[in-house]
Amino acid sequence: NIAKSRLDSDSSGEPPWGEIRYMTSEILYGGHITDDQDRVLARTLVEALLLEDNSHVGAELIPGLVAPEWGLKASELADHIASSGLKESPSTIWMHPNVEVGIGLMHDSELIDGMLELYDGTKRPQAGASVQERASIVVDDILERLPPQVQVSQARLGMEERGTYIYVFLQEIERSRQLTGTIRSSLVELGNCLKGDIQASEATDAMMLSIANNKVPSVWEKAAYPSLLPLGAFRVG
């Protein structure tokens, strides 16, 4: 609105390029930029694109779109963009095409997770076991392999000199003790739910689905280091 009012009030008929560049680089876009170097980059791009002559006409603004002739109306500009055949892709914004591969993998992962969540727990033709049966087998296996709790006080015995490495070692023992404690208590609770001894909750249902689908339960992720490993590799580690 400010630019339109300024153009309407200008009797010369020439666009106020200085004001347009300033409003674009310092207000419309620059007002959202906090880094000084990024602000300089935005100002440089605006000065390179918003030229006072027609030297930019025919230049490729983005892959597949060239700058139109000066003086087109809004509807004509829309037709020009529509006729260029632009497609939504990473290359349109000067990104590497491999970015689209990562996005596709992410969408596929979300689709598979959604399909697994919609599974009702009945027999699977390929697996041959229900979610409850598969989760029960994994719960028993992990509880059998889970090492006993390590007491930090026992680890400190015989450590007369405590340097940096010793303190890091003790911290890792404490974190490992918390993780194994979380795993053991949650598995015992889930095992009792699967046996019907206690009533299942939303948390135990989510944990059962994660274990049956070879995913690390969220309650374990909070106590462990960040990891993208599936449950099978996670429990081996």
C-alpha atoms as a PDB file:
ATOM      1  CA  ASN A   1       0.000   0.000   0.000  1.00  0.00           C
ATOM      2  CA  ILE A   2       2.837   2.379   0.814  1.00  0.00           C
ATOM      3  CA  ALA A   3       4.562   1.667  -2.500  1.00  0.00           C
ATOM      4  CA  LYS A   4       1.302   2.043  -4.452  1.00  0.00           C
ATOM      5  CA  SER A   5       0.529   5.358  -2.773  1.00  0.00           C
ATOM      6  CA  ARG A   6       4.031   6.602  -3.514  1.00  0.00           C
ATOM      7  CA  LEU A   7       3.732   5.615  -7.169  1.00  0.00           C
ATOM      8  CA  ASP A   8       0.322   7.276  -7.502  1.00  0.00           C
ATOM      9  CA  SER A   9       1.635  10.515  -6.021  1.00  0.00           C
ATOM     10  CA  ASP A  10       4.735  10.604  -8.231  1.00  0.00           C
ATOM     11  CA  SER A  11       3.985  12.918 -11.145  1.00  0.00           C
ATOM     12  CA  SER A  12       7.104  11.927 -13.086  1.00  0.00           C
ATOM     13  CA  GLY A  13       5.787   8.424 -13.765  1.00  0.00           C
ATOM     14  CA  GLU A  14       9.157   6.890 -12.918  1.00  0.00           C
ATOM     15  CA  PRO A  15       9.205   4.296 -10.121  1.00  0.00           C
ATOM     16  CA  PRO A  16      11.067   5.502  -7.000  1.00  0.00           C
ATOM     17  CA  TRP A  17      13.668   2.754  -7.221  1.00  0.00           C
ATOM     18  CA  GLY A  18      15.597   3.919  -4.184  1.00  0.00           C
ATOM     19  CA  GLU A  19      12.526   3.796  -1.966  1.00  0.00           C
ATOM     20  CA  ILE A  20      11.385   0.462  -3.396  1.00  0.00           C
ATOM     21  CA  ARG A  21      14.785  -1.088  -2.776  1.00  0.00           C
ATOM     22  CA  TYR A  22      14.876   0.302   0.748  1.00  0.00           C
ATOM     23  CA  MET A  23      11.376  -0.918   1.640  1.00  0.00           C
ATOM     24  CA  THR A  24      12.116  -4.361   0.215  1.00  0.00           C
ATOM     25  CA  SER A  25      15.542  -4.927   1.737  1.00  0.00           C
ATOM     26  CA  GLU A  26      15.147  -3.069   5.021  1.00  0.00           C
ATOM     27  CA  ILE A  27      11.448  -3.380   5.891  1.00  0.00           C
ATOM     28  CA  LEU A  28       9.554  -6.120   4.060  1.00  0.00           C
ATOM     29  CA  TYR A  29      12.377  -8.653   4.267  1.00  0.00           C
ATOM     30  CA  GLY A  30      15.121  -6.933   6.196  1.00  0.00           C
ATOM     31  CA  GLY A  31      12.782  -6.325   9.126  1.00  0.00           C
ATOM     32  CA  HIS A  32      12.727 -10.073   9.750  1.00  0.00           C
ATOM     33  CA  ILE A  33      16.513 -10.504   9.549  1.00  0.00           C
ATOM     34  CA  THR A  34      18.528 -10.305  12.766  1.00  0.00           C
ATOM     35  CA  ASP A  35      22.007 -11.192  11.503  1.00  0.00           C
ATOM     36  CA  ASP A  36      23.994  -8.258  10.097  1.00  0.00           C
ATOM     37  CA  GLN A  37      25.667 -10.345   7.397  1.00  0.00           C
ATOM     38  CA  ASP A  38      22.301 -11.716   6.238  1.00  0.00           C
ATOM     39  CA  ARG A  39      20.974  -8.171   6.064  1.00  0.00           C
ATOM     40  CA  VAL A  40      23.880  -7.173   3.798  1.00  0.00           C
ATOM     41  CA  LEU A  41      23.154 -10.209   1.610  1.00  0.00           C
ATOM     42  CA  ALA A  42      19.456  -9.258   1.311  1.00  0.00           C
ATOM     43  CA  ARG A  43      20.359  -5.683   0.399  1.00  0.00           C
ATOM     44  CA  THR A  44      22.834  -6.888  -2.242  1.00  0.00           C
ATOM     45  CA  LEU A  45      20.283  -9.235  -3.802  1.00  0.00           C
ATOM     46  CA  VAL A  46      17.655  -6.496  -3.962  1.00  0.00           C
ATOM     47  CA  GLU A  47      20.096  -4.089  -5.603  1.00  0.00           C
ATOM     48  CA  ALA A  48      20.989  -6.760  -8.169  1.00  0.00           C
ATOM     49  CA  LEU A  49      17.379  -7.644  -8.999  1.00  0.00           C
ATOM     50  CA  LEU A  50      15.553  -4.302  -8.803  1.00  0.00           C
ATOM     51  CA  LEU A  51      17.325  -2.373 -11.536  1.00  0.00           C
ATOM     52  CA  GLU A  52      16.326   0.990 -12.984  1.00  0.00           C
ATOM     53  CA  ASP A  53      16.897  -0.087 -16.589  1.00  0.00           C
ATOM     54  CA  ASN A  54      15.805  -3.095 -18.625  1.00  0.00           C
ATOM     55  CA  SER A  55      19.120  -4.922 -18.423  1.00  0.00           C
ATOM     56  CA  HIS A  56      17.543  -7.614 -16.247  1.00  0.00           C
ATOM     57  CA  VAL A  57      14.855  -8.474 -18.840  1.00  0.00           C
ATOM     58  CA  GLY A  58      15.371 -12.051 -20.041  1.00  0.00           C
ATOM     59  CA  ALA A  59      17.702 -12.906 -17.169  1.00  0.00           C
ATOM     60  CA  GLU A  60      16.997 -16.179 -15.358  1.00  0.00           C
ATOM     61  CA  LEU A  61      15.714 -15.283 -11.913  1.00  0.00           C
ATOM     62  CA  ILE A  62      15.345 -18.901 -10.815  1.00  0.00           C
ATOM     63  CA  PRO A  63      15.721 -22.090 -12.880  1.00  0.00           C
ATOM     64  CA  GLY A  64      12.938 -22.009 -15.472  1.00  0.00           C
ATOM     65  CA  LEU A  65      11.762 -18.437 -14.880  1.00  0.00           C
ATOM     66  CA  VAL A  66      13.146 -15.424 -16.726  1.00  0.00           C
ATOM     67  CA  ALA A  67      12.507 -11.781 -15.920  1.00  0.00           C
ATOM     68  CA  PRO A  68       9.590 -10.398 -17.990  1.00  0.00           C
ATOM     69  CA  GLU A  69       9.356  -7.131 -19.834  1.00  0.00           C
ATOM     70  CA  TRP A  70       8.895  -4.017 -17.719  1.00  0.00           C
ATOM     71  CA  GLY A  71       5.405  -2.573 -17.358  1.00  0.00           C
ATOM     72  CA  LEU A  72       3.313  -5.745 -17.187  1.00  0.00           C
ATOM     73  CA  LYS A  73       0.138  -5.711 -15.153  1.00  0.00           C
ATOM     74  CA  ALA A  74      -0.397  -8.069 -12.207  1.00  0.00           C
ATOM     75  CA  SER A  75      -2.561 -10.430 -14.286  1.00  0.00           C
ATOM     76  CA  GLU A  76       0.044 -10.468 -17.051  1.00  0.00           C
ATOM     77  CA  LEU A  77       2.789 -11.252 -14.529  1.00  0.00           C
ATOM     78  CA  ALA A  78       0.689 -14.131 -13.171  1.00  0.00           C
ATOM     79  CA  ASP A  79       0.227 -15.473 -16.698  1.00  0.00           C
ATOM     80  CA  HIS A  80       3.956 -15.160 -17.330  1.00  0.00           C
ATOM     81  CA  ILE A  81       4.772 -17.214 -14.228  1.00  0.00           C
ATOM     82  CA  ALA A  82       2.074 -19.799 -15.026  1.00  0.00           C
ATOM     83  CA  SER A  83       3.347 -20.244 -18.590  1.00  0.00           C
ATOM     84  CA  SER A  84       6.914 -20.833 -17.433  1.00  0.00           C
ATOM     85  CA  GLY A  85       6.022 -24.336 -16.240  1.00  0.00           C
ATOM     86  CA  LEU A  86       7.624 -23.899 -12.832  1.00  0.00           C
ATOM     87  CA  LYS A  87       7.456 -26.950 -10.591  1.00  0.00           C
ATOM     88  CA  GLU A  88       7.878 -27.154  -6.845  1.00  0.00           C
ATOM     89  CA  SER A  89      11.339 -28.646  -6.417  1.00  0.00           C
ATOM     90  CA  PRO A  90      14.575 -27.917  -4.520  1.00  0.00           C
ATOM     91  CA  SER A  91      16.236 -26.606  -7.682  1.00  0.00           C
ATOM     92  CA  THR A  92      13.633 -23.842  -7.857  1.00  0.00           C
ATOM     93  CA  ILE A  93      15.205 -22.246  -4.786  1.00  0.00           C
ATOM     94  CA  TRP A  94      18.772 -23.139  -5.817  1.00  0.00           C
ATOM     95  CA  MET A  95      19.054 -26.197  -3.584  1.00  0.00           C
ATOM     96  CA  HIS A  96      20.648 -29.514  -4.517  1.00  0.00           C
ATOM     97  CA  PRO A  97      18.268 -32.105  -6.036  1.00  0.00           C
ATOM     98  CA  ASN A  98      19.335 -34.630  -3.368  1.00  0.00           C
ATOM     99  CA  VAL A  99      17.315 -32.615  -0.860  1.00  0.00           C
ATOM    100  CA  GLU A 100      14.214 -34.095  -2.444  1.00  0.00           C
ATOM    101  CA  VAL A 101      15.538 -37.587  -1.708  1.00  0.00           C
ATOM    102  CA  GLY A 102      15.742 -36.802   1.998  1.00  0.00           C
ATOM    103  CA  ILE A 103      12.232 -35.362   1.985  1.00  0.00           C
ATOM    104  CA  GLY A 104      10.930 -38.478   0.219  1.00  0.00           C
ATOM    105  CA  LEU A 105      12.575 -40.748   2.789  1.00  0.00           C
ATOM    106  CA  MET A 106      11.048 -38.723   5.608  1.00  0.00           C
ATOM    107  CA  HIS A 107       7.569 -38.938   4.067  1.00  0.00           C
ATOM    108  CA  ASP A 108       7.970 -42.687   3.494  1.00  0.00           C
ATOM    109  CA  SER A 109       9.000 -43.174   7.109  1.00  0.00           C
ATOM    110  CA  GLU A 110       5.983 -41.217   8.322  1.00  0.00           C
ATOM    111  CA  LEU A 111       3.701 -43.265   6.054  1.00  0.00           C
ATOM    112  CA  ILE A 112       5.062 -46.574   7.355  1.00  0.00           C
ATOM    113  CA  ASP A 113       4.790 -45.402  10.965  1.00  0.00           C
ATOM    114  CA  GLY A 114       1.188 -44.369  10.358  1.00  0.00           C
ATOM    115  CA  MET A 115       0.349 -47.748   8.819  1.00  0.00           C
ATOM    116  CA  LEU A 116       1.875 -49.546  11.783  1.00  0.00           C
ATOM    117  CA  GLU A 117      -0.085 -47.395  14.218  1.00  0.00           C
ATOM    118  CA  LEU A 118      -3.321 -48.224  12.386  1.00  0.00           C
ATOM    119  CA  TYR A 119      -2.626 -51.932  12.700  1.00  0.00           C
ATOM    120  CA  ASP A 120      -5.289 -53.432  14.978  1.00  0.00           C
ATOM    121  CA  GLY A 121      -3.174 -56.150  16.589  1.00  0.00           C
ATOM    122  CA  THR A 122      -4.663 -59.147  14.784  1.00  0.00           C
ATOM    123  CA  LYS A 123      -2.560 -61.838  13.182  1.00  0.00           C
ATOM    124  CA  ARG A 124      -0.172 -60.670  10.507  1.00  0.00           C
ATOM    125  CA  PRO A 125       0.164 -62.928   7.469  1.00  0.00           C
ATOM    126  CA  GLN A 126       3.941 -62.499   7.335  1.00  0.00           C
ATOM    127  CA  ALA A 127       4.802 -62.179  11.006  1.00  0.00           C
ATOM    128  CA  GLY A 128       2.438 -64.920  12.175  1.00  0.00           C
ATOM    129  CA  ALA A 129       2.042 -63.350  15.626  1.00  0.00           C
ATOM    130  CA  SER A 130       0.005 -60.572  17.161  1.00  0.00           C
ATOM    131  CA  VAL A 131       1.461 -57.365  18.541  1.00  0.00           C
ATOM    132  CA  GLN A 132       0.991 -58.604  22.089  1.00  0.00           C
ATOM    133  CA  GLU A 133       2.789 -61.882  21.377  1.00  0.00           C
ATOM    134  CA  ARG A 134       5.688 -60.212  19.611  1.00  0.00           C
ATOM    135  CA  ALA A 135       6.058 -57.602  22.364  1.00  0.00           C
ATOM    136  CA  SER A 136       5.949 -60.296  25.059  1.00  0.00           C
ATOM    137  CA  ILE A 137       8.788 -62.226  23.402  1.00  0.00           C
ATOM    138  CA  VAL A 138      10.965 -59.113  23.141  1.00  0.00           C
ATOM    139  CA  VAL A 139      10.198 -58.074  26.732  1.00  0.00           C
ATOM    140  CA  ASP A 140      11.266 -61.458  28.098  1.00  0.00           C
ATOM    141  CA  ASP A 141      14.416 -61.461  25.953  1.00  0.00           C
ATOM    142  CA  ILE A 142      15.532 -57.982  27.025  1.00  0.00           C
ATOM    143  CA  LEU A 143      14.857 -58.654  30.712  1.00  0.00           C
ATOM    144  CA  GLU A 144      16.928 -61.818  30.465  1.00  0.00           C
ATOM    145  CA  ARG A 145      19.866 -60.025  28.829  1.00  0.00           C
ATOM    146  CA  LEU A 146      19.666 -56.832  30.880  1.00  0.00           C
ATOM    147  CA  PRO A 147      22.757 -56.507  33.121  1.00  0.00           C
ATOM    148  CA  PRO A 148      22.347 -55.920  36.858  1.00  0.00           C
ATOM    149  CA  GLN A 149      22.363 -52.412  38.234  1.00  0.00           C
ATOM    150  CA  VAL A 150      25.820 -50.983  38.848  1.00  0.00           C
ATOM    151  CA  GLN A 151      26.243 -49.029  42.048  1.00  0.00           C
ATOM    152  CA  VAL A 152      28.334 -45.897  41.712  1.00  0.00           C
ATOM    153  CA  SER A 153      29.628 -46.344  45.247  1.00  0.00           C
ATOM    154  CA  GLN A 154      31.125 -49.718  44.283  1.00  0.00           C
ATOM    155  CA  ALA A 155      32.767 -48.227  41.212  1.00  0.00           C
ATOM    156  CA  ARG A 156      34.421 -45.563  43.342  1.00  0.00           C
ATOM    157  CA  LEU A 157      36.220 -48.144  45.509  1.00  0.00           C
ATOM    158  CA  GLY A 158      39.924 -48.136  44.882  1.00  0.00           C
ATOM    159  CA  MET A 159      39.894 -44.800  43.076  1.00  0.00           C
ATOM    160  CA  GLU A 160      42.285 -42.770  45.171  1.00  0.00           C
ATOM    161  CA  GLU A 161      43.105 -40.217  42.484  1.00  0.00           C
ATOM    162  CA  ARG A 162      40.225 -38.757  40.529  1.00  0.00           C
ATOM    163  CA  GLY A 163      41.096 -36.883  37.380  1.00  0.00           C
ATOM    164  CA  THR A 164      38.979 -35.708  34.484  1.00  0.00           C
ATOM    165  CA  TYR A 165      38.635 -39.170  32.958  1.00  0.00           C
ATOM    166  CA  ILE A 166      37.556 -40.702  36.249  1.00  0.00           C
ATOM    167  CA  TYR A 167      34.808 -38.126  36.727  1.00  0.00           C
ATOM    168  CA  VAL A 168      33.569 -38.716  33.167  1.00  0.00           C
ATOM    169  CA  PHE A 169      33.661 -42.461  33.806  1.00  0.00           C
ATOM    170  CA  LEU A 170      31.572 -42.075  36.962  1.00  0.00           C
ATOM    171  CA  GLN A 171      29.087 -39.853  35.159  1.00  0.00           C
ATOM    172  CA  GLU A 172      28.700 -42.455  32.406  1.00  0.00           C
ATOM    173  CA  ILE A 173      28.112 -45.150  35.015  1.00  0.00           C
ATOM    174  CA  GLU A 174      25.392 -43.045  36.627  1.00  0.00           C
ATOM    175  CA  ARG A 175      23.723 -42.395  33.298  1.00  0.00           C
ATOM    176  CA  SER A 176      23.926 -46.067  32.359  1.00  0.00           C
ATOM    177  CA  ARG A 177      22.441 -46.984  35.745  1.00  0.00           C
ATOM    178  CA  GLN A 178      19.509 -44.613  35.163  1.00  0.00           C
ATOM    179  CA  LEU A 179      18.933 -45.979  31.647  1.00  0.00           C
ATOM    180  CA  THR A 180      18.977 -49.645  32.706  1.00  0.00           C
ATOM    181  CA  GLY A 181      16.718 -48.805  35.649  1.00  0.00           C
ATOM    182  CA  THR A 182      14.227 -47.093  33.336  1.00  0.00           C
ATOM    183  CA  ILE A 183      14.314 -50.013  30.897  1.00  0.00           C
ATOM    184  CA  ARG A 184      13.868 -52.621  33.621  1.00  0.00           C
ATOM    185  CA  SER A 185      11.003 -50.880  35.429  1.00  0.00           C
ATOM    186  CA  SER A 186       9.114 -50.114  32.215  1.00  0.00           C
ATOM    187  CA  LEU A 187       9.545 -53.664  30.900  1.00  0.00           C
ATOM    188  CA  VAL A 188       8.327 -55.165  34.155  1.00  0.00           C
ATOM    189  CA  GLU A 189       5.260 -52.924  34.026  1.00  0.00           C
ATOM    190  CA  LEU A 190       4.588 -53.816  30.397  1.00  0.00           C
ATOM    191  CA  GLY A 191       5.074 -57.516  31.125  1.00  0.00           C
ATOM    192  CA  ASN A 192       2.494 -57.352  33.909  1.00  0.00           C
ATOM    193  CA  CYS A 193       0.084 -55.590  31.521  1.00  0.00           C
ATOM    194  CA  LEU A 194       0.566 -58.282  28.884  1.00  0.00           C
ATOM    195  CA  LYS A 195      -0.109 -60.978  31.466  1.00  0.00           C
ATOM    196  CA  GLY A 196      -3.265 -59.187  32.568  1.00  0.00           C
ATOM    197  CA  ASP A 197      -2.038 -58.584  36.130  1.00  0.00           C
ATOM    198  CA  ILE A 198      -2.480 -54.800  35.893  1.00  0.00           C
ATOM    199  CA  GLN A 199      -4.521 -52.537  33.659  1.00  0.00           C
ATOM    200  CA  ALA A 200      -2.787 -51.130  30.606  1.00  0.00           C
ATOM    201  CA  SER A 201      -2.398 -47.380  30.160  1.00  0.00           C
ATOM    202  CA  GLU A 202      -1.833 -45.157  27.154  1.00  0.00           C
ATOM    203  CA  ALA A 203       1.906 -45.131  27.902  1.00  0.00           C
ATOM    204  CA  THR A 204       2.173 -48.926  28.078  1.00  0.00           C
ATOM    205  CA  ASP A 205       0.128 -49.311  24.872  1.00  0.00           C
ATOM    206  CA  ALA A 206       2.492 -46.937  23.062  1.00  0.00           C
ATOM    207  CA  MET A 207       5.482 -48.809  24.435  1.00  0.00           C
ATOM    208  CA  MET A 208       4.019 -52.151  23.338  1.00  0.00           C
ATOM    209  CA  LEU A 209       3.525 -50.893  19.776  1.00  0.00           C
ATOM    210  CA  SER A 210       7.061 -49.497  19.655  1.00  0.00           C
ATOM    211  CA  ILE A 211       8.629 -52.749  20.858  1.00  0.00           C
ATOM    212  CA  ALA A 212       6.504 -54.881  18.516  1.00  0.00           C
ATOM    213  CA  ASN A 213       7.521 -52.667  15.572  1.00  0.00           C
ATOM    214  CA  ASN A 214      11.245 -52.744  16.455  1.00  0.00           C
ATOM    215  CA  LYS A 215      11.283 -49.112  17.583  1.00  0.00           C
ATOM    216  CA  VAL A 216      12.867 -47.684  20.722  1.00  0.00           C
ATOM    217  CA  PRO A 217      10.145 -46.572  23.188  1.00  0.00           C
ATOM    218  CA  SER A 218      10.052 -42.852  23.831  1.00  0.00           C
ATOM    219  CA  VAL A 219      10.529 -43.333  27.583  1.00  0.00           C
ATOM    220  CA  TRP A 220      13.893 -44.968  26.870  1.00  0.00           C
ATOM    221  CA  GLU A 221      14.929 -42.258  24.429  1.00  0.00           C
ATOM    222  CA  LYS A 222      14.543 -39.647  27.161  1.00  0.00           C
ATOM    223  CA  ALA A 223      17.041 -41.485  29.376  1.00  0.00           C
ATOM    224  CA  ALA A 224      19.503 -42.437  26.616  1.00  0.00           C
ATOM    225  CA  TYR A 225      21.775 -40.591  24.254  1.00  0.00           C
ATOM    226  CA  PRO A 226      20.138 -39.435  20.986  1.00  0.00           C
ATOM    227  CA  SER A 227      20.090 -42.335  18.533  1.00  0.00           C
ATOM    228  CA  LEU A 228      18.404 -43.334  15.271  1.00  0.00           C
ATOM    229  CA  LEU A 229      19.041 -47.055  15.779  1.00  0.00           C
ATOM    230  CA  PRO A 230      16.105 -49.454  15.709  1.00  0.00           C
ATOM    231  CA  LEU A 231      15.284 -51.441  18.822  1.00  0.00           C
ATOM    232  CA  GLY A 232      17.309 -54.499  17.792  1.00  0.00           C
ATOM    233  CA  ALA A 233      20.572 -52.572  17.381  1.00  0.00           C
ATOM    234  CA  PHE A 234      19.745 -50.315  20.337  1.00  0.00           C
ATOM    235  CA  ARG A 235      19.464 -53.161  22.838  1.00  0.00           C
ATOM    236  CA  VAL A 236      22.668 -54.773  21.537  1.00  0.00           C
ATOM    237  CA  GLY A 237      24.499 -51.498  22.093  1.00  0.00           C
END
